[in-house]
Protein backbone atom coordinates (compact mmCIF):
# COMPACT_ATOMS: atom_id res chain seq x y z
CA MET A 1 -51.79 -68.85 101.66
CA THR A 2 -50.93 -72.51 101.32
CA ALA A 3 -49.06 -74.43 103.97
CA ASN A 4 -47.07 -77.46 102.79
CA ILE A 5 -45.89 -80.00 105.32
CA ILE A 6 -44.31 -83.44 105.36
CA ARG A 7 -45.25 -85.42 108.45
CA PHE A 8 -45.20 -88.97 109.76
CA ALA A 9 -48.08 -91.09 108.50
CA LYS A 10 -50.56 -92.37 111.05
CA PRO A 11 -51.29 -96.12 111.17
CA GLU A 12 -55.00 -95.48 110.62
CA GLU A 13 -54.11 -93.82 107.28
CA SER A 14 -52.98 -97.13 105.76
CA PRO A 15 -56.14 -97.52 103.62
CA MET A 16 -55.74 -93.96 102.26
CA LEU A 17 -52.09 -94.60 101.40
CA SER A 18 -52.99 -97.84 99.61
CA GLU A 19 -55.69 -96.07 97.59
CA LEU A 20 -53.34 -93.20 96.74
CA ALA A 21 -50.68 -95.67 95.56
CA LEU A 22 -53.13 -97.36 93.19
CA ARG A 23 -54.43 -94.01 91.87
CA SER A 24 -50.87 -92.88 91.29
CA LYS A 25 -49.98 -96.11 89.47
CA ALA A 26 -53.14 -95.82 87.33
CA TYR A 27 -52.11 -92.32 86.24
CA TRP A 28 -49.48 -93.88 83.96
CA GLY A 29 -52.09 -95.65 81.85
CA TYR A 30 -51.92 -99.15 83.30
CA ASP A 31 -55.05 -101.20 82.65
CA ALA A 32 -57.41 -102.68 85.25
CA ASP A 33 -55.84 -106.17 85.05
CA PHE A 34 -52.36 -104.75 85.66
CA LEU A 35 -53.57 -102.68 88.62
CA ALA A 36 -55.37 -105.70 90.08
CA SER A 37 -52.07 -107.62 89.88
CA CYS A 38 -50.32 -104.83 91.79
CA LYS A 39 -52.98 -104.33 94.45
CA GLU A 40 -51.48 -106.66 97.07
CA GLU A 41 -47.99 -105.20 96.66
CA LEU A 42 -49.39 -101.65 96.90
CA THR A 43 -51.47 -102.33 100.00
CA TYR A 44 -50.01 -100.88 103.17
CA HIS A 45 -51.00 -102.14 106.61
CA LYS A 46 -51.27 -100.52 110.02
CA SER A 47 -48.55 -102.87 111.25
CA GLN A 48 -46.11 -101.46 108.67
CA LEU A 49 -46.91 -97.88 109.60
CA SER A 50 -46.43 -98.75 113.29
CA SER A 51 -43.19 -100.69 112.80
CA SER A 52 -39.81 -99.21 113.67
CA ALA A 53 -38.44 -100.96 110.55
CA TYR A 54 -40.34 -98.47 108.37
CA CYS A 55 -40.59 -94.73 108.00
CA PHE A 56 -43.77 -93.57 106.27
CA LYS A 57 -44.14 -89.85 105.66
CA VAL A 58 -47.02 -87.99 104.06
CA ALA A 59 -46.98 -84.67 102.20
CA GLU A 60 -49.93 -82.35 102.71
CA VAL A 61 -51.03 -79.01 101.43
CA ASN A 62 -53.24 -76.88 103.67
CA GLY A 63 -53.17 -79.53 106.38
CA HIS A 64 -55.70 -81.83 104.78
CA ASN A 65 -54.99 -82.56 101.12
CA MET A 66 -52.67 -85.58 100.99
CA THR A 67 -50.45 -84.99 97.98
CA GLY A 68 -48.25 -88.06 98.29
CA PHE A 69 -46.17 -90.26 100.55
CA PHE A 70 -43.00 -92.29 100.80
CA ALA A 71 -42.03 -95.42 102.72
CA LEU A 72 -38.48 -96.33 103.66
CA ASN A 73 -37.93 -99.92 104.76
CA PHE A 74 -34.85 -100.11 107.01
CA LEU A 75 -34.85 -103.79 108.07
CA GLY A 76 -31.65 -103.15 110.03
CA SER A 77 -29.71 -102.33 106.89
CA ASP A 78 -27.16 -99.69 106.00
CA HIS A 79 -29.01 -99.56 102.67
CA PRO A 80 -32.74 -99.02 103.27
CA GLU A 81 -35.18 -99.57 100.45
CA LEU A 82 -37.42 -96.81 99.21
CA GLU A 83 -40.41 -99.10 99.11
CA ALA A 84 -42.88 -96.46 98.00
CA LEU A 85 -43.00 -92.94 96.64
CA PHE A 86 -46.39 -92.06 95.23
CA ILE A 87 -47.97 -88.75 94.28
CA ASP A 88 -51.72 -88.17 93.99
CA PRO A 89 -52.47 -87.66 90.26
CA ASP A 90 -53.92 -84.20 90.99
CA PHE A 91 -50.47 -83.12 92.22
CA ILE A 92 -48.13 -84.85 89.72
CA GLY A 93 -45.80 -82.38 88.04
CA GLN A 94 -45.90 -79.86 90.90
CA GLY A 95 -42.61 -80.82 92.59
CA TRP A 96 -44.05 -83.11 95.28
CA GLY A 97 -42.00 -86.10 94.12
CA LYS A 98 -38.75 -84.17 94.58
CA LYS A 99 -39.91 -82.84 97.98
CA LEU A 100 -40.73 -86.35 99.18
CA LEU A 101 -37.52 -87.86 97.79
CA THR A 102 -35.51 -85.10 99.49
CA ALA A 103 -37.32 -85.87 102.76
CA ALA A 104 -36.61 -89.61 102.37
CA ILE A 105 -32.92 -88.88 101.78
CA ALA A 106 -32.85 -86.68 104.91
CA VAL A 107 -34.37 -89.51 106.98
CA ALA A 108 -31.82 -92.00 105.62
CA LYS A 109 -28.95 -89.61 106.38
CA ARG A 110 -30.18 -89.14 109.95
CA HIS A 111 -30.01 -92.93 110.30
CA LYS A 112 -26.43 -92.77 108.97
CA THR A 113 -27.16 -95.14 106.09
CA LYS A 114 -24.82 -95.45 103.13
CA SER A 115 -27.40 -95.45 100.34
CA ILE A 116 -31.05 -95.91 99.46
CA LYS A 117 -31.96 -98.77 97.16
CA LEU A 118 -35.16 -98.91 95.13
CA GLN A 119 -37.02 -100.73 92.43
CA GLY A 120 -38.48 -98.06 90.20
CA ASP A 121 -41.49 -98.19 87.99
CA PRO A 122 -40.20 -97.77 84.42
CA PHE A 123 -42.16 -94.50 84.17
CA ALA A 124 -40.32 -93.17 87.26
CA GLU A 125 -36.80 -94.22 86.26
CA ASP A 126 -35.94 -90.89 84.61
CA PHE A 127 -37.18 -89.00 87.69
CA TYR A 128 -34.87 -90.96 89.98
CA LEU A 129 -31.91 -90.68 87.62
CA ALA A 130 -32.44 -86.90 87.38
CA ASN A 131 -32.42 -86.76 91.18
CA GLY A 132 -29.11 -88.50 91.79
CA ALA A 133 -29.88 -92.20 91.51
CA ILE A 134 -27.76 -94.58 89.47
CA LYS A 135 -29.04 -97.70 87.75
CA VAL A 136 -27.44 -100.82 89.22
CA GLY A 137 -29.47 -103.53 87.48
CA GLU A 138 -32.93 -104.95 86.92
CA THR A 139 -35.21 -107.26 88.86
CA GLU A 140 -38.36 -109.15 88.03
CA SER A 141 -41.55 -107.62 89.37
CA HIS A 142 -43.11 -109.25 92.44
CA SER A 143 -46.55 -108.63 90.91
CA ILE A 144 -46.19 -109.35 87.18
CA VAL A 145 -44.23 -112.38 85.95
CA GLY A 146 -41.94 -111.47 83.06
CA ARG A 147 -41.96 -107.74 83.83
CA PHE A 148 -38.62 -106.26 84.79
CA LEU A 149 -38.05 -103.16 86.87
CA PRO A 150 -34.96 -100.98 87.09
CA LEU A 151 -32.92 -101.35 90.29
CA LEU A 152 -31.58 -97.99 91.39
CA GLU A 153 -29.40 -96.67 94.20
CA ILE A 154 -28.95 -93.23 95.69
CA CYS A 155 -25.56 -92.97 97.39
CA LEU A 156 -25.52 -90.77 100.49
């Protein structure tokens, strides 16, 4: 019997989350140069996981296999940013993205926020749109000059 849980991330797990984020990004066929350009942006620090401005949650199966995680960045806003939602490549396509997004929405609702904003990877745009997001624009990537990412919003 498998036991699936979504729990708060521990600050000491920051290196594992960073590695998972890069593995998840690599799944979509990005080359080594692209991934190197994203590494800083996809590195999570103990201070972030300890901060009350963030909510990091991890999905696990059987209490030890980390399947994915999300990070909500509140920064005192009524519109937190979904800063991260990454699934381990071994678990992509098994419903973990939807489970984590649902958990992130539940956290935002408990904080009585009005919406969740996010910059999506182009490969993830259809996932977010299928799960209630609307496209509100585009923004240039913080990691790759000249690359534009969809700006999305989930109204609560």
